[in-house]
Amino acid sequence: MKRQTKPKGFGIAATVLLAALFMAVAIAPAMGAVEDAADGNGTRDTVNLGSLFTDGEEGTASATCVGDVTVQAGYNTFCVQWENINDKVFDGHGAKFEVKVWDANGGEHIKTKTVNKAGSGTLCVSFDSLGTGDAQYEIYCDTHTLFNIVDSDNCVAELEYT
């Protein structure tokens, strides 16, 4: 009995064709999507909106905005720096930090962080502005114990997408 053999050229050609098809379907659209982006990754700007500070022992909370902001329309990242001091694990104190940014169509984008010990960091929210126009942002924090909450003033400012 003679064994049948498959043509070897067909297997190689099919593999090359499948690889080319994968490249065209998976990679080409991604490359086109970032062609218009400012940094090549699709993100236009990273914008600092201000800072948030809490002191668990003193019972103080403050929010400081940078003021009105103008950014290019498209996908942006908005950040605030936060810091919580004099707060130990299991001492009954804690803090909450929040950044809220609206897009050009009035959609709300929120990021919140709650901590139960001293620390600091950056809180960011990223999204597409969905066009040009006027909007706003708000940053807020509080410090709390089991029986008391001390809020910062909500820091609100204008945001314009151009």
C-alpha atoms as a PDB file:
ATOM      1  CA  MET A   1       0.000   0.000   0.000  1.00  0.00           C
ATOM      2  CA  LYS A   2       1.221   3.340  -0.970  1.00  0.00           C
ATOM      3  CA  ARG A   3       0.613   6.262   1.405  1.00  0.00           C
ATOM      4  CA  GLN A   4      -0.915   9.461   0.078  1.00  0.00           C
ATOM      5  CA  THR A   5       0.969  12.692   0.640  1.00  0.00           C
ATOM      6  CA  LYS A   6      -0.444  16.181   0.745  1.00  0.00           C
ATOM      7  CA  PRO A   7       1.034  18.880  -1.410  1.00  0.00           C
ATOM      8  CA  LYS A   8       3.514  20.750   0.801  1.00  0.00           C
ATOM      9  CA  GLY A   9       3.183  24.127  -0.906  1.00  0.00           C
ATOM     10  CA  PHE A  10      -0.518  24.445  -0.014  1.00  0.00           C
ATOM     11  CA  GLY A  11       0.071  24.316   3.788  1.00  0.00           C
ATOM     12  CA  ILE A  12       2.676  27.057   3.678  1.00  0.00           C
ATOM     13  CA  ALA A  13       0.548  29.251   1.390  1.00  0.00           C
ATOM     14  CA  ALA A  14      -2.495  28.847   3.678  1.00  0.00           C
ATOM     15  CA  THR A  15      -0.439  29.794   6.746  1.00  0.00           C
ATOM     16  CA  VAL A  16       0.920  32.907   5.057  1.00  0.00           C
ATOM     17  CA  LEU A  17      -2.576  33.871   3.872  1.00  0.00           C
ATOM     18  CA  LEU A  18      -4.036  33.459   7.373  1.00  0.00           C
ATOM     19  CA  ALA A  19      -1.216  35.513   8.909  1.00  0.00           C
ATOM     20  CA  ALA A  20      -1.773  38.327   6.378  1.00  0.00           C
ATOM     21  CA  LEU A  21      -5.519  38.251   7.035  1.00  0.00           C
ATOM     22  CA  PHE A  22      -4.926  38.475  10.801  1.00  0.00           C
ATOM     23  CA  MET A  23      -2.619  41.471  10.303  1.00  0.00           C
ATOM     24  CA  ALA A  24      -5.189  43.253   8.138  1.00  0.00           C
ATOM     25  CA  VAL A  25      -8.098  42.630  10.518  1.00  0.00           C
ATOM     26  CA  ALA A  26      -6.430  43.076  13.920  1.00  0.00           C
ATOM     27  CA  ILE A  27      -3.616  45.545  13.473  1.00  0.00           C
ATOM     28  CA  ALA A  28      -4.615  47.903  10.641  1.00  0.00           C
ATOM     29  CA  PRO A  29      -7.782  49.309  12.321  1.00  0.00           C
ATOM     30  CA  ALA A  30      -5.861  49.943  15.530  1.00  0.00           C
ATOM     31  CA  MET A  31      -3.218  51.876  13.620  1.00  0.00           C
ATOM     32  CA  GLY A  32      -5.865  54.026  11.925  1.00  0.00           C
ATOM     33  CA  ALA A  33      -7.558  54.787  15.244  1.00  0.00           C
ATOM     34  CA  VAL A  34      -4.517  56.490  16.699  1.00  0.00           C
ATOM     35  CA  GLU A  35      -3.389  58.304  13.582  1.00  0.00           C
ATOM     36  CA  ASP A  36      -5.149  61.514  14.682  1.00  0.00           C
ATOM     37  CA  ALA A  37      -4.030  61.277  18.321  1.00  0.00           C
ATOM     38  CA  ALA A  38      -1.630  63.811  19.791  1.00  0.00           C
ATOM     39  CA  ASP A  39       0.706  61.277  21.437  1.00  0.00           C
ATOM     40  CA  GLY A  40       0.202  58.260  19.172  1.00  0.00           C
ATOM     41  CA  ASN A  41      -1.642  56.294  21.876  1.00  0.00           C
ATOM     42  CA  GLY A  42      -5.065  57.877  21.467  1.00  0.00           C
ATOM     43  CA  THR A  43      -4.742  60.213  24.465  1.00  0.00           C
ATOM     44  CA  ARG A  44      -4.697  63.951  23.807  1.00  0.00           C
ATOM     45  CA  ASP A  45      -3.758  65.339  27.236  1.00  0.00           C
ATOM     46  CA  THR A  46      -3.298  64.436  30.882  1.00  0.00           C
ATOM     47  CA  VAL A  47      -4.703  67.364  32.840  1.00  0.00           C
ATOM     48  CA  ASN A  48      -4.081  68.153  36.517  1.00  0.00           C
ATOM     49  CA  LEU A  49      -7.310  69.487  38.053  1.00  0.00           C
ATOM     50  CA  GLY A  50      -6.023  70.174  41.570  1.00  0.00           C
ATOM     51  CA  SER A  51      -5.368  68.543  44.925  1.00  0.00           C
ATOM     52  CA  LEU A  52      -7.296  66.966  47.794  1.00  0.00           C
ATOM     53  CA  PHE A  53      -6.071  66.866  51.399  1.00  0.00           C
ATOM     54  CA  THR A  54      -7.444  65.251  54.568  1.00  0.00           C
ATOM     55  CA  ASP A  55      -6.136  65.031  58.133  1.00  0.00           C
ATOM     56  CA  GLY A  56      -7.862  62.310  60.139  1.00  0.00           C
ATOM     57  CA  GLU A  57      -6.545  63.452  63.518  1.00  0.00           C
ATOM     58  CA  GLU A  58      -7.400  67.147  63.061  1.00  0.00           C
ATOM     59  CA  GLY A  59     -10.655  66.392  61.239  1.00  0.00           C
ATOM     60  CA  THR A  60      -9.919  68.658  58.250  1.00  0.00           C
ATOM     61  CA  ALA A  61     -10.586  68.233  54.529  1.00  0.00           C
ATOM     62  CA  SER A  62      -9.752  70.608  51.680  1.00  0.00           C
ATOM     63  CA  ALA A  63     -10.096  70.618  47.892  1.00  0.00           C
ATOM     64  CA  THR A  64      -8.113  73.020  45.695  1.00  0.00           C
ATOM     65  CA  CYS A  65      -8.934  73.423  41.973  1.00  0.00           C
ATOM     66  CA  VAL A  66      -6.509  74.752  39.371  1.00  0.00           C
ATOM     67  CA  GLY A  67      -9.297  76.921  37.938  1.00  0.00           C
ATOM     68  CA  ASP A  68     -10.926  76.892  34.514  1.00  0.00           C
ATOM     69  CA  VAL A  69      -9.359  74.472  32.025  1.00  0.00           C
ATOM     70  CA  THR A  70      -9.321  74.282  28.222  1.00  0.00           C
ATOM     71  CA  VAL A  71      -8.359  70.996  26.529  1.00  0.00           C
ATOM     72  CA  GLN A  72      -8.417  69.614  23.033  1.00  0.00           C
ATOM     73  CA  ALA A  73     -11.509  67.541  22.213  1.00  0.00           C
ATOM     74  CA  GLY A  74     -10.954  63.795  22.161  1.00  0.00           C
ATOM     75  CA  TYR A  75      -9.709  61.246  24.658  1.00  0.00           C
ATOM     76  CA  ASN A  76      -8.224  62.947  27.749  1.00  0.00           C
ATOM     77  CA  THR A  77      -7.163  61.942  31.256  1.00  0.00           C
ATOM     78  CA  PHE A  78      -8.060  64.204  34.190  1.00  0.00           C
ATOM     79  CA  CYS A  79      -6.200  63.748  37.491  1.00  0.00           C
ATOM     80  CA  VAL A  80      -6.102  65.076  41.058  1.00  0.00           C
ATOM     81  CA  GLN A  81      -3.412  64.503  43.662  1.00  0.00           C
ATOM     82  CA  TRP A  82      -4.714  63.246  47.027  1.00  0.00           C
ATOM     83  CA  GLU A  83      -3.154  62.971  50.482  1.00  0.00           C
ATOM     84  CA  ASN A  84      -4.494  61.610  53.770  1.00  0.00           C
ATOM     85  CA  ILE A  85      -2.382  62.129  56.918  1.00  0.00           C
ATOM     86  CA  ASN A  86      -2.626  61.158  60.609  1.00  0.00           C
ATOM     87  CA  ASP A  87      -4.762  58.123  59.928  1.00  0.00           C
ATOM     88  CA  LYS A  88      -3.770  54.687  61.233  1.00  0.00           C
ATOM     89  CA  VAL A  89      -5.227  51.304  60.343  1.00  0.00           C
ATOM     90  CA  PHE A  90      -8.149  50.362  62.645  1.00  0.00           C
ATOM     91  CA  ASP A  91      -8.276  53.800  64.338  1.00  0.00           C
ATOM     92  CA  GLY A  92     -11.824  54.471  63.124  1.00  0.00           C
ATOM     93  CA  HIS A  93     -10.742  57.266  60.763  1.00  0.00           C
ATOM     94  CA  GLY A  94     -10.916  57.202  56.987  1.00  0.00           C
ATOM     95  CA  ALA A  95     -11.100  59.446  53.950  1.00  0.00           C
ATOM     96  CA  LYS A  96     -12.870  59.609  50.608  1.00  0.00           C
ATOM     97  CA  PHE A  97     -11.545  61.360  47.482  1.00  0.00           C
ATOM     98  CA  GLU A  98     -13.526  62.020  44.308  1.00  0.00           C
ATOM     99  CA  VAL A  99     -13.010  63.531  40.853  1.00  0.00           C
ATOM    100  CA  LYS A 100     -16.052  64.127  38.646  1.00  0.00           C
ATOM    101  CA  VAL A 101     -15.719  65.420  35.074  1.00  0.00           C
ATOM    102  CA  TRP A 102     -18.434  66.031  32.488  1.00  0.00           C
ATOM    103  CA  ASP A 103     -18.023  65.445  28.758  1.00  0.00           C
ATOM    104  CA  ALA A 104     -19.277  67.842  26.062  1.00  0.00           C
ATOM    105  CA  ASN A 105     -22.657  66.033  25.924  1.00  0.00           C
ATOM    106  CA  GLY A 106     -23.298  66.317  29.670  1.00  0.00           C
ATOM    107  CA  GLY A 107     -22.233  62.772  30.569  1.00  0.00           C
ATOM    108  CA  GLU A 108     -20.700  62.407  34.029  1.00  0.00           C
ATOM    109  CA  HIS A 109     -17.438  60.491  34.584  1.00  0.00           C
ATOM    110  CA  ILE A 110     -16.541  59.761  38.217  1.00  0.00           C
ATOM    111  CA  LYS A 111     -13.617  58.122  40.002  1.00  0.00           C
ATOM    112  CA  THR A 112     -13.663  57.648  43.791  1.00  0.00           C
ATOM    113  CA  LYS A 113     -11.074  56.319  46.238  1.00  0.00           C
ATOM    114  CA  THR A 114     -11.729  55.469  49.885  1.00  0.00           C
ATOM    115  CA  VAL A 115      -8.839  54.866  52.295  1.00  0.00           C
ATOM    116  CA  ASN A 116      -8.606  53.819  55.950  1.00  0.00           C
ATOM    117  CA  LYS A 117      -4.977  54.746  56.582  1.00  0.00           C
ATOM    118  CA  ALA A 118      -2.522  57.521  55.756  1.00  0.00           C
ATOM    119  CA  GLY A 119      -1.300  57.665  52.179  1.00  0.00           C
ATOM    120  CA  SER A 120      -1.189  59.660  48.994  1.00  0.00           C
ATOM    121  CA  GLY A 121      -1.584  59.150  45.289  1.00  0.00           C
ATOM    122  CA  THR A 122      -3.195  60.231  42.070  1.00  0.00           C
ATOM    123  CA  LEU A 123      -6.836  59.729  41.145  1.00  0.00           C
ATOM    124  CA  CYS A 124      -7.634  59.874  37.415  1.00  0.00           C
ATOM    125  CA  VAL A 125     -10.609  59.514  35.096  1.00  0.00           C
ATOM    126  CA  SER A 126     -10.193  59.039  31.328  1.00  0.00           C
ATOM    127  CA  PHE A 127     -12.783  59.311  28.562  1.00  0.00           C
ATOM    128  CA  ASP A 128     -13.603  60.761  25.149  1.00  0.00           C
ATOM    129  CA  SER A 129     -15.099  64.269  25.302  1.00  0.00           C
ATOM    130  CA  LEU A 130     -17.632  63.337  22.571  1.00  0.00           C
ATOM    131  CA  GLY A 131     -17.092  66.590  20.730  1.00  0.00           C
ATOM    132  CA  THR A 132     -16.402  70.229  21.519  1.00  0.00           C
ATOM    133  CA  GLY A 133     -18.197  72.527  23.935  1.00  0.00           C
ATOM    134  CA  ASP A 134     -18.507  73.683  27.518  1.00  0.00           C
ATOM    135  CA  ALA A 135     -18.507  71.375  30.530  1.00  0.00           C
ATOM    136  CA  GLN A 136     -17.248  71.418  34.125  1.00  0.00           C
ATOM    137  CA  TYR A 137     -15.352  69.404  36.687  1.00  0.00           C
ATOM    138  CA  GLU A 138     -15.694  68.948  40.437  1.00  0.00           C
ATOM    139  CA  ILE A 139     -13.281  67.597  43.038  1.00  0.00           C
ATOM    140  CA  TYR A 140     -14.238  66.654  46.588  1.00  0.00           C
ATOM    141  CA  CYS A 141     -12.927  64.883  49.687  1.00  0.00           C
ATOM    142  CA  ASP A 142     -13.991  64.074  53.225  1.00  0.00           C
ATOM    143  CA  THR A 143     -12.483  62.651  56.375  1.00  0.00           C
ATOM    144  CA  HIS A 144     -14.616  60.593  58.715  1.00  0.00           C
ATOM    145  CA  THR A 145     -14.733  58.727  61.969  1.00  0.00           C
ATOM    146  CA  LEU A 146     -17.356  56.262  63.086  1.00  0.00           C
ATOM    147  CA  PHE A 147     -19.587  59.150  64.228  1.00  0.00           C
ATOM    148  CA  ASN A 148     -18.567  62.233  62.230  1.00  0.00           C
ATOM    149  CA  ILE A 149     -17.956  63.305  58.606  1.00  0.00           C
ATOM    150  CA  VAL A 150     -16.022  66.461  57.712  1.00  0.00           C
ATOM    151  CA  ASP A 151     -16.534  67.457  54.056  1.00  0.00           C
ATOM    152  CA  SER A 152     -14.353  69.709  51.957  1.00  0.00           C
ATOM    153  CA  ASP A 153     -16.069  72.381  49.933  1.00  0.00           C
ATOM    154  CA  ASN A 154     -16.840  71.033  46.484  1.00  0.00           C
ATOM    155  CA  CYS A 155     -14.336  72.672  44.185  1.00  0.00           C
ATOM    156  CA  VAL A 156     -16.086  73.283  40.839  1.00  0.00           C
ATOM    157  CA  ALA A 157     -14.613  74.917  37.739  1.00  0.00           C
ATOM    158  CA  GLU A 158     -15.347  75.303  34.034  1.00  0.00           C
ATOM    159  CA  LEU A 159     -13.954  72.942  31.398  1.00  0.00           C
ATOM    160  CA  GLU A 160     -13.920  73.700  27.674  1.00  0.00           C
ATOM    161  CA  TYR A 161     -13.270  71.172  24.919  1.00  0.00           C
ATOM    162  CA  THR A 162     -11.917  72.842  21.734  1.00  0.00           C
END
